[in-house]
Amino acid sequence: MVGQSEGRRAVLLEPFVHQVGGHMSMMKYDEHTVCKPLVMQERSFYESLPLAMKQFTPQYKGVISVHLKKDSLGNLTLLASPSLQHEGCGRVDNTSSDIWHKYKWAASTSSGTELVKRCHTQLTKTFKDSCPGKMRLRTELQYCTDSLLEDANRNQTEKNSSNPWGLHCHRQHLNRMSSKYNENKLHQFLLLENVVSKYNYPCILDLKMGTRQHGDDASEEKKARHIKKCEQSTSASLGVRVCGMQVYQADAGHFLCKDKYYGRKLSPEGFRQTLQQFLCNGNHLRTDVLEPIILKLKALLSVIKKQSSYRFYSSSLLIIYDGLEPKESTAALDNHLQGHFQRTNCTTSHSRVDVRMIDFAHTTFKGSKCNHTTYDGPDHGYIFGLENLIKILQNISEGK
């Protein structure tokens, strides 16, 4: 069983409180690093990543061993063991992970409601610690397995001031691990850049890209299920659908959250309205981040069009900006500088937004060790989604 390695203490993994989509549990390794269960096809993608795509993907930091640990009460934690496999981070002290000495994730016998009641106080603290400044969080967070609470008009109710999706994924993941494996079993996890670590109040939109979501290795049952999801959502009509979202509401002091179940129900017009909602802080439209986002998406589109044989099935695209607006004087300076720097295709506003591709477990490309089928040309389904996304954002920018 792995404990200490080369004199370095094991790291007790924390839940990543800014996970807004996906079904795999993302864990916080340190302030700038997250980790997720290793899928060989995803590792193959990161290890052979074209240079032009690196600015649009999280930095790959290597692989680490993780194992379950159960305390005397049967509560579970995940322990990561720093080793030579860890390529991107130095020695990590786990003093910042004291949360786990007071707050243990429940084993599979606990219900979701019981779990949340027990851990919400500390989860709230973790969330607040990850977002400097004061933020109002509800104290009676309720966990819902199907979707976040919404009113009759499908709007998020004010009570949902933090995003429980990561907790949902983590609980399910621990339940699966504890039911299948004993504590001595080592699991390999990918270490990746925490792409939201530099933001005070990270506003995140998780978009499932492309018109096809199933991988080449999908069973007929899974293939049919994914095809149906695409046909019944904006994946078919627009090549993109909402998988999750959190946006800081400055007027109320909390995050507005949406999940994948909400995204699946959206019509093309509903998708457009959700994009506009993502860019609204409760007071006004964040026009300061709109143009930089469009420019980054256009740059990504140019790169994707040049990637022959790549198919990004079931991958997502994150759009990120800071919910904390720059001070008025800083904004005025940025506007002045933007006019100058745009001529050189380098705008200071870009530092306040980010666009990243994530989730490559079903990505295939020529030369991949996990390749099942070799395709010619670029991923037209992905391109279709990007072009529609850019068009909708441009319309929002022009007030259409």
Protein backbone atom coordinates (compact mmCIF):
# COMPACT_ATOMS: atom_id res chain seq x y z
CA MET A 1 0.00 0.00 0.00
CA VAL A 2 1.40 3.38 -0.96
CA GLY A 3 1.84 5.88 1.84
CA GLN A 4 4.85 8.15 1.91
CA SER A 5 7.03 8.24 -1.17
CA GLU A 6 10.61 9.45 -1.26
CA GLY A 7 10.10 11.37 1.99
CA ARG A 8 7.05 13.19 0.67
CA ARG A 9 3.72 13.03 2.43
CA ALA A 10 0.69 11.66 0.65
CA VAL A 11 -1.81 14.26 -0.47
CA LEU A 12 -5.40 14.03 0.71
CA LEU A 13 -7.48 15.00 -2.30
CA GLU A 14 -10.20 17.62 -1.96
CA PRO A 15 -13.35 17.94 -4.05
CA PHE A 16 -12.98 20.40 -6.91
CA VAL A 17 -15.78 22.83 -6.12
CA HIS A 18 -15.81 24.44 -9.58
CA GLN A 19 -16.74 21.30 -11.51
CA VAL A 20 -19.87 22.28 -13.44
CA GLY A 21 -20.26 19.34 -15.83
CA GLY A 22 -19.09 15.87 -16.77
CA HIS A 23 -19.65 12.63 -14.90
CA MET A 24 -16.09 11.78 -13.81
CA SER A 25 -15.09 13.20 -10.44
CA MET A 26 -12.52 15.99 -10.64
CA MET A 27 -10.36 16.37 -7.54
CA LYS A 28 -8.17 19.23 -6.35
CA TYR A 29 -4.54 18.11 -5.94
CA ASP A 30 -3.10 21.53 -5.17
CA GLU A 31 -3.98 25.13 -5.91
CA HIS A 32 -2.96 24.90 -9.56
CA THR A 33 -3.58 21.21 -10.26
CA VAL A 34 -6.63 18.96 -10.54
CA CYS A 35 -6.73 15.23 -11.14
CA LYS A 36 -9.18 12.77 -12.65
CA PRO A 37 -9.26 8.98 -13.23
CA LEU A 38 -6.86 7.92 -15.97
CA VAL A 39 -8.27 6.85 -19.34
CA MET A 40 -5.50 5.63 -21.65
CA GLN A 41 -7.04 7.21 -24.74
CA GLU A 42 -7.06 10.60 -23.02
CA ARG A 43 -3.47 10.20 -21.88
CA SER A 44 -2.48 9.29 -25.43
CA PHE A 45 -4.08 12.52 -26.65
CA TYR A 46 -2.23 14.71 -24.16
CA GLU A 47 1.12 13.01 -24.83
CA SER A 48 0.89 13.60 -28.59
CA LEU A 49 -0.87 16.96 -28.51
CA PRO A 50 -0.16 19.18 -31.55
CA LEU A 51 1.69 22.34 -30.54
CA ALA A 52 -1.02 24.58 -31.98
CA MET A 53 -3.62 23.04 -29.64
CA LYS A 54 -1.68 23.42 -26.39
CA GLN A 55 -2.97 26.92 -25.69
CA PHE A 56 -6.53 25.56 -25.87
CA THR A 57 -6.11 22.56 -23.54
CA PRO A 58 -5.12 22.21 -19.87
CA GLN A 59 -1.41 21.61 -19.28
CA TYR A 60 -0.75 17.90 -18.83
CA LYS A 61 1.29 17.28 -15.65
CA GLY A 62 1.67 13.52 -15.62
CA VAL A 63 0.11 10.56 -13.80
CA ILE A 64 -0.16 9.80 -10.11
CA SER A 65 -1.24 6.84 -7.98
CA VAL A 66 -4.37 7.19 -5.86
CA HIS A 67 -5.97 4.80 -3.39
CA LEU A 68 -8.99 4.69 -1.12
CA LYS A 69 -8.57 5.08 2.61
CA LYS A 70 -11.30 4.21 5.08
CA ASP A 71 -11.37 5.47 8.66
CA SER A 72 -12.70 3.61 11.72
CA LEU A 73 -16.21 4.87 11.01
CA GLY A 74 -16.18 3.58 7.45
CA ASN A 75 -15.87 6.99 5.83
CA LEU A 76 -13.85 7.19 2.63
CA THR A 77 -11.11 9.51 1.43
CA LEU A 78 -8.85 9.48 -1.62
CA LEU A 79 -5.10 9.62 -1.05
CA ALA A 80 -2.63 10.58 -3.78
CA SER A 81 0.97 9.46 -3.56
CA PRO A 82 3.59 11.82 -5.05
CA SER A 83 6.18 9.85 -6.99
CA LEU A 84 8.44 10.02 -10.01
CA GLN A 85 5.32 9.69 -12.14
CA HIS A 86 4.35 13.20 -11.07
CA GLU A 87 5.85 15.30 -13.86
CA GLY A 88 4.46 18.77 -13.42
CA CYS A 89 4.39 19.70 -9.73
CA GLY A 90 6.99 19.90 -7.02
CA ARG A 91 6.62 18.73 -3.47
CA VAL A 92 3.10 19.28 -2.20
CA ASP A 93 2.36 19.78 1.46
CA ASN A 94 -1.07 18.64 2.57
CA THR A 95 -1.58 21.17 5.34
CA SER A 96 -4.10 22.89 3.08
CA SER A 97 -6.05 19.64 3.05
CA ASP A 98 -6.83 19.58 6.78
CA ILE A 99 -10.44 19.67 5.65
CA TRP A 100 -10.21 15.90 5.41
CA HIS A 101 -9.33 15.44 9.07
CA LYS A 102 -12.64 17.03 10.03
CA TYR A 103 -14.77 16.16 7.04
CA LYS A 104 -14.87 12.71 5.45
CA TRP A 105 -16.84 11.67 2.41
CA ALA A 106 -19.42 9.05 3.34
CA ALA A 107 -19.27 5.48 2.12
CA SER A 108 -21.84 4.03 -0.25
CA THR A 109 -24.29 3.31 2.58
CA SER A 110 -25.00 7.03 3.06
CA SER A 111 -27.70 8.77 1.06
CA GLY A 112 -26.98 11.92 -0.91
CA THR A 113 -29.10 14.02 1.46
CA GLU A 114 -27.31 12.74 4.56
CA LEU A 115 -23.97 13.31 2.92
CA VAL A 116 -24.71 16.91 2.04
CA LYS A 117 -26.12 17.76 5.47
CA ARG A 118 -22.96 16.44 7.09
CA CYS A 119 -20.45 18.12 4.81
CA HIS A 120 -22.11 21.34 3.62
CA THR A 121 -20.57 23.54 6.30
CA GLN A 122 -17.03 22.56 5.34
CA LEU A 123 -17.82 22.49 1.61
CA THR A 124 -19.06 26.08 1.91
CA LYS A 125 -15.79 27.05 3.60
CA THR A 126 -13.79 25.36 0.85
CA PHE A 127 -15.83 27.13 -1.80
CA LYS A 128 -15.35 30.50 -0.10
CA ASP A 129 -11.62 29.89 0.35
CA SER A 130 -11.33 29.21 -3.38
CA CYS A 131 -13.08 32.52 -4.17
CA PRO A 132 -11.33 35.39 -2.35
CA GLY A 133 -13.64 38.06 -0.99
CA LYS A 134 -17.04 37.82 0.60
CA MET A 135 -19.67 35.68 -1.02
CA ARG A 136 -23.12 34.90 0.29
CA LEU A 137 -23.79 31.17 0.36
CA ARG A 138 -27.02 29.55 1.42
CA THR A 139 -26.80 27.39 4.53
CA GLU A 140 -29.49 24.88 3.64
CA LEU A 141 -28.01 23.45 0.43
CA GLN A 142 -30.19 20.60 -0.78
CA TYR A 143 -28.85 17.85 -2.97
CA CYS A 144 -30.84 16.75 -5.99
CA THR A 145 -29.79 13.77 -8.11
CA ASP A 146 -31.70 14.77 -11.23
CA SER A 147 -31.15 18.48 -11.64
CA LEU A 148 -30.65 21.66 -9.71
CA LEU A 149 -33.77 23.32 -8.38
CA GLU A 150 -35.56 25.56 -10.85
CA ASP A 151 -38.74 27.60 -10.78
CA ALA A 152 -41.69 27.22 -13.14
CA ASN A 153 -39.90 29.23 -15.81
CA ARG A 154 -36.80 26.98 -15.66
CA ASN A 155 -34.85 29.72 -13.92
CA GLN A 156 -32.43 28.86 -11.15
CA THR A 157 -33.91 29.69 -7.76
CA GLU A 158 -31.94 32.04 -5.54
CA LYS A 159 -31.31 29.28 -3.01
CA ASN A 160 -28.80 27.59 -5.31
CA SER A 161 -25.81 29.74 -4.47
CA SER A 162 -23.12 27.08 -4.90
CA ASN A 163 -22.67 24.36 -7.49
CA PRO A 164 -23.37 20.84 -6.13
CA TRP A 165 -22.52 19.03 -9.36
CA GLY A 166 -18.96 18.18 -8.33
CA LEU A 167 -20.26 16.75 -5.06
CA HIS A 168 -22.75 14.63 -7.01
CA CYS A 169 -19.99 13.24 -9.27
CA HIS A 170 -17.60 12.66 -6.39
CA ARG A 171 -20.12 10.77 -4.28
CA GLN A 172 -21.00 8.50 -7.20
CA HIS A 173 -17.33 7.90 -7.99
CA LEU A 174 -16.45 6.96 -4.41
CA ASN A 175 -19.43 4.63 -4.28
CA ARG A 176 -18.27 2.86 -7.45
CA MET A 177 -14.69 2.56 -6.23
CA SER A 178 -15.61 1.28 -2.77
CA SER A 179 -18.00 -1.33 -4.18
CA LYS A 180 -15.46 -2.69 -6.67
CA TYR A 181 -12.05 -2.37 -5.02
CA ASN A 182 -10.35 -2.72 -1.65
CA GLU A 183 -8.16 -0.07 -0.04
CA ASN A 184 -4.90 -1.55 -1.32
CA LYS A 185 -5.90 -1.16 -4.94
CA LEU A 186 -3.89 1.58 -6.69
CA HIS A 187 -5.69 3.72 -9.25
CA GLN A 188 -3.96 5.91 -11.81
CA PHE A 189 -5.11 9.53 -12.09
CA LEU A 190 -4.22 12.20 -14.66
CA LEU A 191 -2.78 15.44 -13.29
CA LEU A 192 -3.95 18.51 -15.19
CA GLU A 193 -3.73 22.26 -14.89
CA ASN A 194 -6.48 23.90 -12.84
CA VAL A 195 -7.56 26.35 -15.54
CA VAL A 196 -9.74 28.43 -13.19
CA SER A 197 -7.21 28.93 -10.39
CA LYS A 198 -6.37 32.51 -11.42
CA TYR A 199 -9.98 33.71 -11.24
CA ASN A 200 -11.55 35.30 -8.16
CA TYR A 201 -15.11 34.26 -9.03
CA PRO A 202 -14.80 31.82 -11.96
CA CYS A 203 -17.78 31.98 -14.31
CA ILE A 204 -17.70 28.71 -16.26
CA LEU A 205 -19.72 27.44 -19.21
CA ASP A 206 -19.25 23.75 -20.09
CA LEU A 207 -20.34 23.02 -23.67
CA LYS A 208 -20.54 19.54 -25.21
CA MET A 209 -19.23 20.02 -28.73
CA GLY A 210 -20.05 18.30 -32.01
CA THR A 211 -22.99 16.53 -33.60
CA ARG A 212 -21.83 13.08 -32.45
CA GLN A 213 -21.04 12.10 -28.86
CA HIS A 214 -20.36 8.36 -28.86
CA GLY A 215 -16.84 7.00 -29.27
CA ASP A 216 -15.82 4.37 -31.81
CA ASP A 217 -15.72 1.75 -29.05
CA ALA A 218 -19.28 2.40 -27.85
CA SER A 219 -21.65 -0.56 -27.62
CA GLU A 220 -24.74 -0.54 -29.82
CA GLU A 221 -26.87 0.29 -26.77
CA LYS A 222 -24.65 3.22 -25.77
CA LYS A 223 -24.41 4.42 -29.35
CA ALA A 224 -28.21 4.48 -29.69
CA ARG A 225 -28.54 6.31 -26.36
CA HIS A 226 -26.10 9.04 -27.35
CA ILE A 227 -27.61 9.44 -30.81
CA LYS A 228 -31.01 9.99 -29.19
CA LYS A 229 -29.59 12.60 -26.81
CA CYS A 230 -28.08 14.48 -29.73
CA GLU A 231 -31.28 14.31 -31.79
CA GLN A 232 -33.37 15.63 -28.90
CA SER A 233 -31.03 18.50 -28.03
CA THR A 234 -29.15 21.36 -29.66
CA SER A 235 -26.27 18.96 -30.44
CA ALA A 236 -28.06 18.02 -33.68
CA SER A 237 -29.32 21.47 -34.67
CA LEU A 238 -26.35 23.58 -33.53
CA GLY A 239 -23.49 21.13 -32.94
CA VAL A 240 -23.22 22.30 -29.32
CA ARG A 241 -25.22 21.94 -26.09
CA VAL A 242 -24.95 23.19 -22.53
CA CYS A 243 -23.48 20.64 -20.10
CA GLY A 244 -23.14 22.87 -17.06
CA MET A 245 -22.72 26.46 -15.97
CA GLN A 246 -21.95 28.69 -13.05
CA VAL A 247 -22.08 32.47 -13.32
CA TYR A 248 -21.49 34.91 -10.49
CA GLN A 249 -24.44 37.20 -9.75
CA ALA A 250 -22.95 40.43 -8.46
CA ASP A 251 -26.34 41.84 -7.46
CA ALA A 252 -27.09 38.91 -5.13
CA GLY A 253 -23.57 37.75 -4.23
CA HIS A 254 -23.88 34.10 -5.25
CA PHE A 255 -23.38 31.79 -8.21
CA LEU A 256 -26.24 30.90 -10.52
CA CYS A 257 -25.91 27.24 -11.56
CA LYS A 258 -27.27 25.04 -14.34
CA ASP A 259 -26.60 21.36 -15.00
CA LYS A 260 -26.58 19.01 -18.00
CA TYR A 261 -30.24 18.06 -17.57
CA TYR A 262 -31.19 21.70 -18.03
CA GLY A 263 -28.96 21.90 -21.11
CA ARG A 264 -30.54 18.89 -22.79
CA LYS A 265 -33.98 20.51 -22.71
CA LEU A 266 -32.96 23.74 -24.41
CA SER A 267 -34.23 24.73 -27.84
CA PRO A 268 -31.90 26.74 -30.13
CA GLU A 269 -33.53 29.93 -28.80
CA GLY A 270 -33.20 28.66 -25.23
CA PHE A 271 -29.52 27.98 -25.92
CA ARG A 272 -29.06 31.57 -27.09
CA GLN A 273 -30.80 32.90 -23.99
CA THR A 274 -28.60 30.73 -21.77
CA LEU A 275 -25.46 32.13 -23.43
CA GLN A 276 -26.76 35.61 -22.74
CA GLN A 277 -27.50 34.63 -19.14
CA PHE A 278 -23.95 33.31 -18.79
CA LEU A 279 -22.66 36.74 -19.80
CA CYS A 280 -24.93 38.64 -17.43
CA ASN A 281 -23.87 39.33 -13.83
CA GLY A 282 -27.37 40.17 -12.61
CA ASN A 283 -26.87 43.86 -13.30
CA HIS A 284 -25.75 44.08 -16.91
CA LEU A 285 -24.23 42.19 -19.85
CA ARG A 286 -20.47 41.70 -19.49
CA THR A 287 -19.57 43.31 -22.80
CA ASP A 288 -15.95 43.61 -21.62
CA VAL A 289 -15.47 39.82 -21.94
CA LEU A 290 -17.71 39.17 -24.94
CA GLU A 291 -15.34 40.29 -27.70
CA PRO A 292 -12.25 38.55 -26.20
CA ILE A 293 -14.24 35.29 -25.97
CA ILE A 294 -15.27 35.57 -29.63
CA LEU A 295 -11.66 36.24 -30.69
CA LYS A 296 -10.43 33.18 -28.78
CA LEU A 297 -13.15 30.98 -30.30
CA LYS A 298 -12.19 32.18 -33.77
CA ALA A 299 -8.56 31.33 -33.05
CA LEU A 300 -9.59 27.85 -31.87
CA LEU A 301 -11.72 27.38 -34.98
CA SER A 302 -8.71 28.16 -37.16
CA VAL A 303 -6.64 25.55 -35.30
CA ILE A 304 -9.33 22.82 -35.41
CA LYS A 305 -9.78 23.27 -39.16
CA LYS A 306 -6.12 22.33 -39.62
CA GLN A 307 -6.20 19.14 -37.50
CA SER A 308 -6.64 16.27 -39.91
CA SER A 309 -7.88 12.88 -38.60
CA TYR A 310 -8.90 14.23 -35.15
CA ARG A 311 -12.41 13.45 -33.90
CA PHE A 312 -13.27 14.99 -30.52
CA TYR A 313 -16.22 12.77 -29.69
CA SER A 314 -17.86 13.61 -26.34
CA SER A 315 -15.30 16.31 -25.53
CA SER A 316 -16.29 19.61 -23.97
CA LEU A 317 -15.31 23.23 -24.33
CA LEU A 318 -14.97 25.50 -21.31
CA ILE A 319 -15.54 29.23 -21.59
CA ILE A 320 -14.26 31.04 -18.50
CA TYR A 321 -14.18 34.60 -17.27
CA ASP A 322 -13.90 36.34 -13.90
CA GLY A 323 -17.14 37.31 -12.20
CA LEU A 324 -15.21 40.03 -10.38
CA GLU A 325 -15.27 43.02 -12.73
CA PRO A 326 -12.20 45.22 -13.07
CA LYS A 327 -12.39 48.60 -11.38
CA GLU A 328 -13.82 51.36 -13.48
CA SER A 329 -10.46 53.02 -13.96
CA THR A 330 -8.85 49.74 -14.97
CA ALA A 331 -11.68 49.03 -17.40
CA ALA A 332 -11.23 52.45 -18.99
CA LEU A 333 -7.51 51.81 -19.38
CA ASP A 334 -8.18 48.38 -20.88
CA ASN A 335 -10.57 49.89 -23.40
CA HIS A 336 -7.95 52.42 -24.40
CA LEU A 337 -5.24 49.79 -24.71
CA GLN A 338 -7.53 47.33 -26.49
CA GLY A 339 -7.95 49.68 -29.43
CA HIS A 340 -4.19 49.83 -29.74
CA PHE A 341 -3.36 46.18 -29.17
CA GLN A 342 -6.11 44.68 -31.31
CA ARG A 343 -4.18 45.90 -34.32
CA THR A 344 -1.40 43.56 -33.23
CA ASN A 345 -3.88 40.81 -32.30
CA CYS A 346 -2.86 41.07 -28.65
CA THR A 347 -5.47 42.47 -26.27
CA THR A 348 -5.11 42.77 -22.53
CA SER A 349 -8.74 41.69 -22.15
CA HIS A 350 -7.69 38.17 -23.16
CA SER A 351 -6.14 37.66 -19.75
CA ARG A 352 -9.62 37.94 -18.22
CA VAL A 353 -11.13 35.17 -20.36
CA ASP A 354 -10.17 31.65 -21.33
CA VAL A 355 -11.33 28.99 -23.77
CA ARG A 356 -10.19 25.40 -23.13
CA MET A 357 -11.01 22.02 -24.65
CA ILE A 358 -11.36 19.23 -22.07
CA ASP A 359 -12.38 15.54 -21.78
CA PHE A 360 -10.61 13.49 -24.44
CA ALA A 361 -11.47 9.94 -23.33
CA HIS A 362 -13.12 9.26 -26.72
CA THR A 363 -10.90 11.44 -28.92
CA THR A 364 -9.33 9.58 -31.80
CA PHE A 365 -6.60 10.54 -34.25
CA LYS A 366 -4.20 8.93 -36.68
CA GLY A 367 -1.34 7.26 -34.83
CA SER A 368 -3.15 6.98 -31.50
CA LYS A 369 -2.36 3.82 -29.54
CA CYS A 370 -6.09 3.53 -28.83
CA ASN A 371 -7.13 4.32 -32.39
CA HIS A 372 -10.09 2.32 -33.72
CA THR A 373 -10.85 4.11 -36.96
CA THR A 374 -8.75 6.54 -38.99
CA TYR A 375 -10.60 9.56 -40.31
CA ASP A 376 -9.68 12.02 -43.03
CA GLY A 377 -9.86 15.77 -42.71
CA PRO A 378 -10.94 17.88 -39.72
CA ASP A 379 -13.82 17.23 -37.32
CA HIS A 380 -16.70 18.86 -39.20
CA GLY A 381 -19.20 18.25 -36.39
CA TYR A 382 -16.97 20.17 -33.97
CA ILE A 383 -16.43 22.93 -36.54
CA PHE A 384 -20.20 23.19 -37.09
CA GLY A 385 -20.70 23.71 -33.35
CA LEU A 386 -17.93 26.29 -33.07
CA GLU A 387 -19.22 28.29 -36.04
CA ASN A 388 -22.74 28.38 -34.60
CA LEU A 389 -21.42 29.32 -31.16
CA ILE A 390 -19.43 32.22 -32.63
CA LYS A 391 -22.40 33.37 -34.69
CA ILE A 392 -24.73 33.42 -31.67
CA LEU A 393 -22.21 35.33 -29.55
CA GLN A 394 -21.70 37.84 -32.34
CA ASN A 395 -25.47 38.37 -32.52
CA ILE A 396 -25.54 38.95 -28.74
CA SER A 397 -22.66 41.41 -29.12
CA GLU A 398 -24.59 43.31 -31.80
CA GLY A 399 -27.77 43.35 -29.72
CA LYS A 400 -29.70 41.01 -32.04
